[in-house]
Every structure is written in structure tokens, then in C-alpha cells.
PDB file of N, CA and C in Angstrom:
ATOM      1  N   MET A   1     -83.431 124.357  71.322  1.00  0.00           N
ATOM      2  CA  MET A   1     -83.656 125.772  71.460  1.00  0.00           C
ATOM      3  C   MET A   1     -83.291 126.452  70.147  1.00  0.00           C
ATOM      4  N   PHE A   2     -84.166 127.345  69.699  1.00  0.00           N
ATOM      5  CA  PHE A   2     -83.866 128.144  68.517  1.00  0.00           C
ATOM      6  C   PHE A   2     -84.516 129.505  68.633  1.00  0.00           C
ATOM      7  N   ALA A   3     -84.072 130.419  67.765  1.00  0.00           N
ATOM      8  CA  ALA A   3     -84.604 131.777  67.774  1.00  0.00           C
ATOM      9  C   ALA A   3     -84.641 132.295  66.340  1.00  0.00           C
ATOM     10  N   VAL A   4     -85.483 133.299  66.112  1.00  0.00           N
ATOM     11  CA  VAL A   4     -85.531 133.991  64.832  1.00  0.00           C
ATOM     12  C   VAL A   4     -84.977 135.394  65.072  1.00  0.00           C
ATOM     13  N   ILE A   5     -83.883 135.720  64.359  1.00  0.00           N
ATOM     14  CA  ILE A   5     -83.273 137.041  64.506  1.00  0.00           C
ATOM     15  C   ILE A   5     -83.453 137.837  63.224  1.00  0.00           C
ATOM     16  N   LYS A   6     -83.333 139.148  63.358  1.00  0.00           N
ATOM     17  CA  LYS A   6     -83.458 140.035  62.208  1.00  0.00           C
ATOM     18  C   LYS A   6     -82.153 140.809  62.066  1.00  0.00           C
ATOM     19  N   THR A   7     -81.539 140.738  60.874  1.00  0.00           N
ATOM     20  CA  THR A   7     -80.332 141.492  60.584  1.00  0.00           C
ATOM     21  C   THR A   7     -80.207 141.679  59.083  1.00  0.00           C
ATOM     22  N   GLY A   8     -79.771 142.829  58.678  1.00  0.00           N
ATOM     23  CA  GLY A   8     -79.585 143.105  57.257  1.00  0.00           C
ATOM     24  C   GLY A   8     -80.878 143.104  56.467  1.00  0.00           C
ATOM     25  N   GLY A   9     -82.014 143.395  57.114  1.00  0.00           N
ATOM     26  CA  GLY A   9     -83.292 143.405  56.421  1.00  0.00           C
ATOM     27  C   GLY A   9     -83.874 142.024  56.179  1.00  0.00           C
ATOM     28  N   LYS A  10     -83.250 140.991  56.728  1.00  0.00           N
ATOM     29  CA  LYS A  10     -83.723 139.618  56.552  1.00  0.00           C
ATOM     30  C   LYS A  10     -83.903 138.967  57.916  1.00  0.00           C
ATOM     31  N   GLN A  11     -84.626 137.839  57.945  1.00  0.00           N
ATOM     32  CA  GLN A  11     -84.841 137.092  59.171  1.00  0.00           C
ATOM     33  C   GLN A  11     -84.179 135.721  59.036  1.00  0.00           C
ATOM     34  N   TYR A  12     -83.554 135.256  60.107  1.00  0.00           N
ATOM     35  CA  TYR A  12     -82.836 133.985  60.100  1.00  0.00           C
ATOM     36  C   TYR A  12     -83.272 133.139  61.288  1.00  0.00           C
ATOM     37  N   LEU A  13     -83.494 131.854  61.044  1.00  0.00           N
ATOM     38  CA  LEU A  13     -83.796 130.888  62.092  1.00  0.00           C
ATOM     39  C   LEU A  13     -82.459 130.301  62.540  1.00  0.00           C
ATOM     40  N   VAL A  14     -82.085 130.522  63.806  1.00  0.00           N
ATOM     41  CA  VAL A  14     -80.764 130.119  64.291  1.00  0.00           C
ATOM     42  C   VAL A  14     -80.877 129.276  65.552  1.00  0.00           C
ATOM     43  N   SER A  15     -79.854 128.444  65.756  1.00  0.00           N
ATOM     44  CA  SER A  15     -79.729 127.664  66.978  1.00  0.00           C
ATOM     45  C   SER A  15     -78.250 127.603  67.336  1.00  0.00           C
ATOM     46  N   PRO A  16     -77.906 127.359  68.607  1.00  0.00           N
ATOM     47  CA  PRO A  16     -76.499 127.333  69.006  1.00  0.00           C
ATOM     48  C   PRO A  16     -75.691 126.294  68.220  1.00  0.00           C
ATOM     49  N   GLY A  17     -74.483 126.697  67.801  1.00  0.00           N
ATOM     50  CA  GLY A  17     -73.606 125.820  67.028  1.00  0.00           C
ATOM     51  C   GLY A  17     -73.783 125.920  65.525  1.00  0.00           C
ATOM     52  N   GLN A  18     -74.790 126.643  65.078  1.00  0.00           N
ATOM     53  CA  GLN A  18     -75.085 126.765  63.644  1.00  0.00           C
ATOM     54  C   GLN A  18     -74.222 127.857  63.012  1.00  0.00           C
ATOM     55  N   LYS A  19     -73.826 127.646  61.742  1.00  0.00           N
ATOM     56  CA  LYS A  19     -73.087 128.639  60.975  1.00  0.00           C
ATOM     57  C   LYS A  19     -74.016 129.207  59.911  1.00  0.00           C
ATOM     58  N   ILE A  20     -74.076 130.555  59.821  1.00  0.00           N
ATOM     59  CA  ILE A  20     -74.940 131.199  58.837  1.00  0.00           C
ATOM     60  C   ILE A  20     -74.166 132.276  58.090  1.00  0.00           C
ATOM     61  N   LYS A  21     -74.593 132.541  56.857  1.00  0.00           N
ATOM     62  CA  LYS A  21     -74.045 133.631  56.063  1.00  0.00           C
ATOM     63  C   LYS A  21     -75.090 134.735  56.027  1.00  0.00           C
ATOM     64  N   ILE A  22     -74.706 135.917  56.497  1.00  0.00           N
ATOM     65  CA  ILE A  22     -75.625 137.049  56.558  1.00  0.00           C
ATOM     66  C   ILE A  22     -75.040 138.215  55.772  1.00  0.00           C
ATOM     67  N   GLU A  23     -75.852 139.265  55.587  1.00  0.00           N
ATOM     68  CA  GLU A  23     -75.372 140.473  54.918  1.00  0.00           C
ATOM     69  C   GLU A  23     -74.140 140.993  55.658  1.00  0.00           C
ATOM     70  N   LYS A  24     -73.231 141.625  54.922  1.00  0.00           N
ATOM     71  CA  LYS A  24     -71.960 142.072  55.485  1.00  0.00           C
ATOM     72  C   LYS A  24     -72.159 142.983  56.688  1.00  0.00           C
ATOM     73  N   LEU A  25     -71.428 142.660  57.766  1.00  0.00           N
ATOM     74  CA  LEU A  25     -71.391 143.472  58.973  1.00  0.00           C
ATOM     75  C   LEU A  25     -69.967 143.980  59.161  1.00  0.00           C
ATOM     76  N   GLU A  26     -69.836 145.190  59.679  1.00  0.00           N
ATOM     77  CA  GLU A  26     -68.519 145.768  59.929  1.00  0.00           C
ATOM     78  C   GLU A  26     -67.981 145.215  61.246  1.00  0.00           C
ATOM     79  N   ALA A  27     -67.384 144.032  61.188  1.00  0.00           N
ATOM     80  CA  ALA A  27     -66.799 143.394  62.362  1.00  0.00           C
ATOM     81  C   ALA A  27     -65.596 142.579  61.907  1.00  0.00           C
ATOM     82  N   GLU A  28     -64.577 142.547  62.753  1.00  0.00           N
ATOM     83  CA  GLU A  28     -63.365 141.802  62.421  1.00  0.00           C
ATOM     84  C   GLU A  28     -63.570 140.311  62.688  1.00  0.00           C
ATOM     85  N   GLU A  29     -62.764 139.504  61.989  1.00  0.00           N
ATOM     86  CA  GLU A  29     -62.830 138.056  62.183  1.00  0.00           C
ATOM     87  C   GLU A  29     -62.386 137.709  63.602  1.00  0.00           C
ATOM     88  N   GLY A  30     -63.099 136.787  64.233  1.00  0.00           N
ATOM     89  CA  GLY A  30     -62.783 136.357  65.588  1.00  0.00           C
ATOM     90  C   GLY A  30     -63.509 137.139  66.674  1.00  0.00           C
ATOM     91  N   LYS A  31     -64.127 138.257  66.330  1.00  0.00           N
ATOM     92  CA  LYS A  31     -64.843 139.075  67.308  1.00  0.00           C
ATOM     93  C   LYS A  31     -66.242 138.522  67.553  1.00  0.00           C
ATOM     94  N   GLU A  32     -66.776 138.798  68.742  1.00  0.00           N
ATOM     95  CA  GLU A  32     -68.150 138.414  69.056  1.00  0.00           C
ATOM     96  C   GLU A  32     -69.097 139.512  68.606  1.00  0.00           C
ATOM     97  N   ILE A  33     -70.279 139.097  68.210  1.00  0.00           N
ATOM     98  CA  ILE A  33     -71.296 140.042  67.758  1.00  0.00           C
ATOM     99  C   ILE A  33     -72.601 139.689  68.463  1.00  0.00           C
ATOM    100  N   ILE A  34     -73.367 140.709  68.829  1.00  0.00           N
ATOM    101  CA  ILE A  34     -74.614 140.491  69.571  1.00  0.00           C
ATOM    102  C   ILE A  34     -75.789 140.935  68.704  1.00  0.00           C
ATOM    103  N   PHE A  35     -76.768 140.046  68.545  1.00  0.00           N
ATOM    104  CA  PHE A  35     -77.993 140.347  67.815  1.00  0.00           C
ATOM    105  C   PHE A  35     -79.093 140.600  68.848  1.00  0.00           C
ATOM    106  N   ASN A  36     -79.551 141.855  68.929  1.00  0.00           N
ATOM    107  CA  ASN A  36     -80.575 142.222  69.913  1.00  0.00           C
ATOM    108  C   ASN A  36     -81.988 142.073  69.369  1.00  0.00           C
ATOM    109  N   GLU A  37     -82.149 142.075  68.056  1.00  0.00           N
ATOM    110  CA  GLU A  37     -83.479 142.001  67.453  1.00  0.00           C
ATOM    111  C   GLU A  37     -83.916 140.539  67.315  1.00  0.00           C
ATOM    112  N   VAL A  38     -84.491 139.998  68.382  1.00  0.00           N
ATOM    113  CA  VAL A  38     -84.983 138.620  68.411  1.00  0.00           C
ATOM    114  C   VAL A  38     -86.502 138.672  68.275  1.00  0.00           C
ATOM    115  N   LEU A  39     -87.021 138.033  67.217  1.00  0.00           N
ATOM    116  CA  LEU A  39     -88.454 138.075  66.932  1.00  0.00           C
ATOM    117  C   LEU A  39     -89.224 136.921  67.551  1.00  0.00           C
ATOM    118  N   LEU A  40     -88.551 135.770  67.750  1.00  0.00           N
ATOM    119  CA  LEU A  40     -89.221 134.577  68.271  1.00  0.00           C
ATOM    120  C   LEU A  40     -88.204 133.735  69.017  1.00  0.00           C
ATOM    121  N   LEU A  41     -88.635 133.079  70.080  1.00  0.00           N
ATOM    122  CA  LEU A  41     -87.761 132.212  70.855  1.00  0.00           C
ATOM    123  C   LEU A  41     -88.503 130.934  71.217  1.00  0.00           C
ATOM    124  N   GLU A  42     -87.866 129.793  70.984  1.00  0.00           N
ATOM    125  CA  GLU A  42     -88.418 128.492  71.375  1.00  0.00           C
ATOM    126  C   GLU A  42     -87.471 127.906  72.408  1.00  0.00           C
ATOM    127  N   LYS A  43     -88.011 127.642  73.602  1.00  0.00           N
ATOM    128  CA  LYS A  43     -87.193 127.097  74.686  1.00  0.00           C
ATOM    129  C   LYS A  43     -88.013 126.044  75.406  1.00  0.00           C
ATOM    130  N   GLN A  44     -87.518 124.816  75.442  1.00  0.00           N
ATOM    131  CA  GLN A  44     -88.188 123.687  76.087  1.00  0.00           C
ATOM    132  C   GLN A  44     -89.618 123.519  75.581  1.00  0.00           C
ATOM    133  N   ARG A  45     -89.770 123.551  74.270  1.00  0.00           N
ATOM    134  CA  ARG A  45     -91.030 123.343  73.562  1.00  0.00           C
ATOM    135  C   ARG A  45     -92.093 124.405  73.887  1.00  0.00           C
ATOM    136  N   LYS A  46     -91.641 125.591  74.335  1.00  0.00           N
ATOM    137  CA  LYS A  46     -92.544 126.713  74.580  1.00  0.00           C
ATOM    138  C   LYS A  46     -92.133 127.869  73.682  1.00  0.00           C
ATOM    139  N   LEU A  47     -93.086 128.408  72.931  1.00  0.00           N
ATOM    140  CA  LEU A  47     -92.812 129.519  72.028  1.00  0.00           C
ATOM    141  C   LEU A  47     -93.051 130.847  72.733  1.00  0.00           C
ATOM    142  N   GLU A  48     -92.132 131.760  72.487  1.00  0.00           N
ATOM    143  CA  GLU A  48     -92.275 133.117  72.989  1.00  0.00           C
ATOM    144  C   GLU A  48     -92.199 134.033  71.768  1.00  0.00           C
ATOM    145  N   ILE A  49     -93.302 134.662  71.418  1.00  0.00           N
ATOM    146  CA  ILE A  49     -93.374 135.483  70.213  1.00  0.00           C
ATOM    147  C   ILE A  49     -93.335 136.948  70.622  1.00  0.00           C
ATOM    148  N   GLY A  50     -92.457 137.710  69.990  1.00  0.00           N
ATOM    149  CA  GLY A  50     -92.310 139.123  70.301  1.00  0.00           C
ATOM    150  C   GLY A  50     -93.367 139.969  69.631  1.00  0.00           C
ATOM    151  N   ALA A  51     -93.550 141.181  70.179  1.00  0.00           N
ATOM    152  CA  ALA A  51     -94.520 142.104  69.595  1.00  0.00           C
ATOM    153  C   ALA A  51     -93.911 143.500  69.539  1.00  0.00           C
ATOM    154  N   PRO A  52     -93.009 143.846  68.668  1.00  0.00           N
ATOM    155  CA  PRO A  52     -92.403 143.027  67.619  1.00  0.00           C
ATOM    156  C   PRO A  52     -91.176 142.243  68.075  1.00  0.00           C
ATOM    157  N   LEU A  53     -90.545 142.614  69.216  1.00  0.00           N
ATOM    158  CA  LEU A  53     -89.339 141.922  69.657  1.00  0.00           C
ATOM    159  C   LEU A  53     -89.567 141.246  71.009  1.00  0.00           C
ATOM    160  N   VAL A  54     -88.812 140.160  71.241  1.00  0.00           N
ATOM    161  CA  VAL A  54     -88.845 139.478  72.530  1.00  0.00           C
ATOM    162  C   VAL A  54     -87.914 140.250  73.470  1.00  0.00           C
ATOM    163  N   LYS A  55     -88.408 140.653  74.618  1.00  0.00           N
ATOM    164  CA  LYS A  55     -87.628 141.477  75.541  1.00  0.00           C
ATOM    165  C   LYS A  55     -86.638 140.631  76.342  1.00  0.00           C
ATOM    166  N   GLY A  56     -85.439 141.191  76.552  1.00  0.00           N
ATOM    167  CA  GLY A  56     -84.441 140.557  77.410  1.00  0.00           C
ATOM    168  C   GLY A  56     -83.686 139.398  76.780  1.00  0.00           C
ATOM    169  N   ILE A  57     -83.880 139.124  75.520  1.00  0.00           N
ATOM    170  CA  ILE A  57     -83.202 138.009  74.853  1.00  0.00           C
ATOM    171  C   ILE A  57     -82.212 138.563  73.845  1.00  0.00           C
ATOM    172  N   LYS A  58     -81.015 137.952  73.809  1.00  0.00           N
ATOM    173  CA  LYS A  58     -80.038 138.314  72.790  1.00  0.00           C
ATOM    174  C   LYS A  58     -79.330 137.062  72.300  1.00  0.00           C
ATOM    175  N   VAL A  59     -78.897 137.112  71.052  1.00  0.00           N
ATOM    176  CA  VAL A  59     -78.192 135.995  70.430  1.00  0.00           C
ATOM    177  C   VAL A  59     -76.742 136.425  70.242  1.00  0.00           C
ATOM    178  N   ILE A  60     -75.815 135.594  70.693  1.00  0.00           N
ATOM    179  CA  ILE A  60     -74.391 135.909  70.603  1.00  0.00           C
ATOM    180  C   ILE A  60     -73.762 135.031  69.530  1.00  0.00           C
ATOM    181  N   GLY A  61     -73.011 135.671  68.633  1.00  0.00           N
ATOM    182  CA  GLY A  61     -72.341 134.956  67.559  1.00  0.00           C
ATOM    183  C   GLY A  61     -70.888 135.359  67.457  1.00  0.00           C
ATOM    184  N   LYS A  62     -70.121 134.560  66.731  1.00  0.00           N
ATOM    185  CA  LYS A  62     -68.701 134.823  66.518  1.00  0.00           C
ATOM    186  C   LYS A  62     -68.462 134.926  65.017  1.00  0.00           C
ATOM    187  N   VAL A  63     -67.777 135.991  64.591  1.00  0.00           N
ATOM    188  CA  VAL A  63     -67.505 136.203  63.166  1.00  0.00           C
ATOM    189  C   VAL A  63     -66.404 135.245  62.738  1.00  0.00           C
ATOM    190  N   LEU A  64     -66.709 134.390  61.758  1.00  0.00           N
ATOM    191  CA  LEU A  64     -65.723 133.436  61.252  1.00  0.00           C
ATOM    192  C   LEU A  64     -64.939 134.014  60.087  1.00  0.00           C
ATOM    193  N   LYS A  65     -65.638 134.635  59.119  1.00  0.00           N
ATOM    194  CA  LYS A  65     -64.935 135.228  57.977  1.00  0.00           C
ATOM    195  C   LYS A  65     -65.818 136.223  57.249  1.00  0.00           C
ATOM    196  N   GLN A  66     -65.161 137.095  56.509  1.00  0.00           N
ATOM    197  CA  GLN A  66     -65.819 138.032  55.599  1.00  0.00           C
ATOM    198  C   GLN A  66     -65.535 137.510  54.193  1.00  0.00           C
ATOM    199  N   GLY A  67     -66.484 137.626  53.280  1.00  0.00           N
ATOM    200  CA  GLY A  67     -66.246 137.105  51.937  1.00  0.00           C
ATOM    201  C   GLY A  67     -67.222 137.635  50.915  1.00  0.00           C
ATOM    202  N   LYS A  68     -67.099 137.078  49.702  1.00  0.00           N
ATOM    203  CA  LYS A  68     -67.990 137.418  48.595  1.00  0.00           C
ATOM    204  C   LYS A  68     -68.680 136.155  48.123  1.00  0.00           C
ATOM    205  N   GLY A  69     -69.940 136.282  47.727  1.00  0.00           N
ATOM    206  CA  GLY A  69     -70.706 135.151  47.225  1.00  0.00           C
ATOM    207  C   GLY A  69     -70.355 134.840  45.773  1.00  0.00           C
ATOM    208  N   LYS A  70     -71.086 133.901  45.191  1.00  0.00           N
ATOM    209  CA  LYS A  70     -70.889 133.553  43.790  1.00  0.00           C
ATOM    210  C   LYS A  70     -71.300 134.707  42.895  1.00  0.00           C
ATOM    211  N   LYS A  71     -70.694 134.780  41.706  1.00  0.00           N
ATOM    212  CA  LYS A  71     -71.021 135.842  40.768  1.00  0.00           C
ATOM    213  C   LYS A  71     -72.387 135.583  40.133  1.00  0.00           C
ATOM    214  N   ILE A  72     -73.183 136.643  40.089  1.00  0.00           N
ATOM    215  CA  ILE A  72     -74.490 136.606  39.438  1.00  0.00           C
ATOM    216  C   ILE A  72     -74.404 137.476  38.198  1.00  0.00           C
ATOM    217  N   ILE A  73     -74.865 136.974  37.064  1.00  0.00           N
ATOM    218  CA  ILE A  73     -74.837 137.714  35.811  1.00  0.00           C
ATOM    219  C   ILE A  73     -76.184 138.400  35.603  1.00  0.00           C
ATOM    220  N   ILE A  74     -76.111 139.712  35.323  1.00  0.00           N
ATOM    221  CA  ILE A  74     -77.311 140.485  34.999  1.00  0.00           C
ATOM    222  C   ILE A  74     -77.218 140.810  33.516  1.00  0.00           C
ATOM    223  N   PHE A  75     -78.200 140.371  32.726  1.00  0.00           N
ATOM    224  CA  PHE A  75     -78.179 140.594  31.283  1.00  0.00           C
ATOM    225  C   PHE A  75     -79.483 141.236  30.854  1.00  0.00           C
ATOM    226  N   LYS A  76     -79.377 142.420  30.256  1.00  0.00           N
ATOM    227  CA  LYS A  76     -80.550 143.135  29.755  1.00  0.00           C
ATOM    228  C   LYS A  76     -80.490 143.135  28.242  1.00  0.00           C
ATOM    229  N   TYR A  77     -81.653 142.973  27.596  1.00  0.00           N
ATOM    230  CA  TYR A  77     -81.695 142.850  26.148  1.00  0.00           C
ATOM    231  C   TYR A  77     -83.033 143.359  25.633  1.00  0.00           C
ATOM    232  N   LYS A  78     -82.993 144.157  24.568  1.00  0.00           N
ATOM    233  CA  LYS A  78     -84.225 144.604  23.907  1.00  0.00           C
ATOM    234  C   LYS A  78     -84.146 144.173  22.444  1.00  0.00           C
ATOM    235  N   ALA A  79     -85.151 143.437  22.028  1.00  0.00           N
ATOM    236  CA  ALA A  79     -85.162 142.883  20.669  1.00  0.00           C
ATOM    237  C   ALA A  79     -85.238 143.998  19.626  1.00  0.00           C
ATOM    238  N   LYS A  80     -84.488 143.842  18.550  1.00  0.00           N
ATOM    239  CA  LYS A  80     -84.508 144.721  17.375  1.00  0.00           C
ATOM    240  C   LYS A  80     -84.062 146.152  17.671  1.00  0.00           C
ATOM    241  N   LYS A  81     -83.395 146.388  18.791  1.00  0.00           N
ATOM    242  CA  LYS A  81     -82.964 147.749  19.129  1.00  0.00           C
ATOM    243  C   LYS A  81     -81.450 147.859  19.319  1.00  0.00           C
ATOM    244  N   ARG A  82     -80.720 146.753  19.155  1.00  0.00           N
ATOM    245  CA  ARG A  82     -79.270 146.702  19.344  1.00  0.00           C
ATOM    246  C   ARG A  82     -78.867 147.121  20.765  1.00  0.00           C
ATOM    247  N   TYR A  83     -79.682 146.735  21.735  1.00  0.00           N
ATOM    248  CA  TYR A  83     -79.425 147.082  23.125  1.00  0.00           C
ATOM    249  C   TYR A  83     -79.111 145.808  23.910  1.00  0.00           C
ATOM    250  N   LYS A  84     -77.889 145.729  24.426  1.00  0.00           N
ATOM    251  CA  LYS A  84     -77.466 144.614  25.271  1.00  0.00           C
ATOM    252  C   LYS A  84     -76.570 145.171  26.373  1.00  0.00           C
ATOM    253  N   VAL A  85     -76.838 144.786  27.607  1.00  0.00           N
ATOM    254  CA  VAL A  85     -76.002 145.176  28.736  1.00  0.00           C
ATOM    255  C   VAL A  85     -75.746 143.926  29.566  1.00  0.00           C
ATOM    256  N   LYS A  86     -74.477 143.652  29.851  1.00  0.00           N
ATOM    257  CA  LYS A  86     -74.113 142.501  30.665  1.00  0.00           C
ATOM    258  C   LYS A  86     -73.294 142.995  31.855  1.00  0.00           C
ATOM    259  N   LYS A  87     -73.764 142.671  33.058  1.00  0.00           N
ATOM    260  CA  LYS A  87     -73.083 143.072  34.282  1.00  0.00           C
ATOM    261  C   LYS A  87     -72.955 141.864  35.195  1.00  0.00           C
ATOM    262  N   GLY A  88     -71.973 141.908  36.076  1.00  0.00           N
ATOM    263  CA  GLY A  88     -71.801 140.871  37.081  1.00  0.00           C
ATOM    264  C   GLY A  88     -71.851 141.486  38.469  1.00  0.00           C
ATOM    265  N   HIS A  89     -72.229 140.692  39.463  1.00  0.00           N
ATOM    266  CA  HIS A  89     -72.314 141.184  40.836  1.00  0.00           C
ATOM    267  C   HIS A  89     -71.945 140.063  41.801  1.00  0.00           C
ATOM    268  N   ARG A  90     -71.144 140.393  42.807  1.00  0.00           N
ATOM    269  CA  ARG A  90     -70.819 139.458  43.887  1.00  0.00           C
ATOM    270  C   ARG A  90     -71.197 140.110  45.208  1.00  0.00           C
ATOM    271  N   GLN A  91     -72.168 139.521  45.899  1.00  0.00           N
ATOM    272  CA  GLN A  91     -72.664 140.087  47.152  1.00  0.00           C
ATOM    273  C   GLN A  91     -71.689 139.800  48.288  1.00  0.00           C
ATOM    274  N   LEU A  92     -71.402 140.800  49.103  1.00  0.00           N
ATOM    275  CA  LEU A  92     -70.545 140.641  50.266  1.00  0.00           C
ATOM    276  C   LEU A  92     -71.331 139.969  51.395  1.00  0.00           C
ATOM    277  N   PHE A  93     -70.662 139.103  52.169  1.00  0.00           N
ATOM    278  CA  PHE A  93     -71.332 138.432  53.281  1.00  0.00           C
ATOM    279  C   PHE A  93     -70.385 138.297  54.463  1.00  0.00           C
ATOM    280  N   THR A  94     -70.964 138.009  55.614  1.00  0.00           N
ATOM    281  CA  THR A  94     -70.229 137.705  56.829  1.00  0.00           C
ATOM    282  C   THR A  94     -70.700 136.340  57.306  1.00  0.00           C
ATOM    283  N   GLU A  95     -69.758 135.436  57.543  1.00  0.00           N
ATOM    284  CA  GLU A  95     -70.119 134.119  58.066  1.00  0.00           C
ATOM    285  C   GLU A  95     -70.007 134.162  59.593  1.00  0.00           C
ATOM    286  N   VAL A  96     -71.098 133.782  60.260  1.00  0.00           N
ATOM    287  CA  VAL A  96     -71.188 133.877  61.716  1.00  0.00           C
ATOM    288  C   VAL A  96     -71.558 132.516  62.287  1.00  0.00           C
ATOM    289  N   GLU A  97     -70.902 132.145  63.396  1.00  0.00           N
ATOM    290  CA  GLU A  97     -71.285 130.942  64.120  1.00  0.00           C
ATOM    291  C   GLU A  97     -72.049 131.379  65.366  1.00  0.00           C
ATOM    292  N   ILE A  98     -73.226 130.832  65.567  1.00  0.00           N
ATOM    293  CA  ILE A  98     -74.047 131.175  66.721  1.00  0.00           C
ATOM    294  C   ILE A  98     -73.505 130.422  67.941  1.00  0.00           C
ATOM    295  N   ILE A  99     -73.143 131.185  68.973  1.00  0.00           N
ATOM    296  CA  ILE A  99     -72.556 130.591  70.180  1.00  0.00           C
ATOM    297  C   ILE A  99     -73.632 130.289  71.218  1.00  0.00           C
ATOM    298  N   ALA A 100     -74.470 131.292  71.518  1.00  0.00           N
ATOM    299  CA  ALA A 100     -75.454 131.119  72.592  1.00  0.00           C
ATOM    300  C   ALA A 100     -76.679 131.991  72.372  1.00  0.00           C
ATOM    301  N   ILE A 101     -77.759 131.579  72.997  1.00  0.00           N
ATOM    302  CA  ILE A 101     -78.984 132.384  73.051  1.00  0.00           C
ATOM    303  C   ILE A 101     -79.258 132.636  74.533  1.00  0.00           C
ATOM    304  N   LYS A 102     -79.210 133.905  74.934  1.00  0.00           N
ATOM    305  CA  LYS A 102     -79.382 134.259  76.364  1.00  0.00           C
ATOM    306  C   LYS A 102     -80.577 135.166  76.538  1.00  0.00           C
TER     307      LYS A 102
END
């Protein structure tokens, strides 16, 4: 059994027991979180495709930790103009373990 959920402007293919890193959510560690935006559901080799969402289905997850990703370097440069800009960025994320699809 698996489902496609939408959160943080992205879509994720999830199944029970899986751990995923998603865009930061305002939730404490150890709390349960419910994803209501389910776009697709596969159950016993039968696909259920939403238009745009599958009705009556929700995915339940547990927040494992909040964190920051690896640093990404942004470097801008213009030749012969003495223009250089170097910036770094670390994206915030929430690690979630999928408990059930109901």
C-alpha cells in the first residue's frame, strides 16, 4: 500500500514505516501529524486517483526531528566588472515517519 501526498508545495510517494524529509512544519518532536491532501492511493493492486484529491483518505505521520539540510553555496560573478557575491543557505526540514494510511 502506498499513497502520494502533497505538502510544502511538493508531492511525496509514501508507504507505512517509511521516513521522509519534508519542508519544515510547525510541529513538536514526537507529535502526530495528519496529511489530508492525498492525490493517489494504491491498495491491493487497485489505484484510486483523486480529482484533485482522494476523498476520505488521510496519512498519519509522527515527527521524528526538526533540522537543517546541507549547506548550499550560491556564487554570483560577472566577468570584467569586479562583481562577486558568495552566499550560503541551509534549508530547514522536518523528518517524519509514516505510521498509517487510513
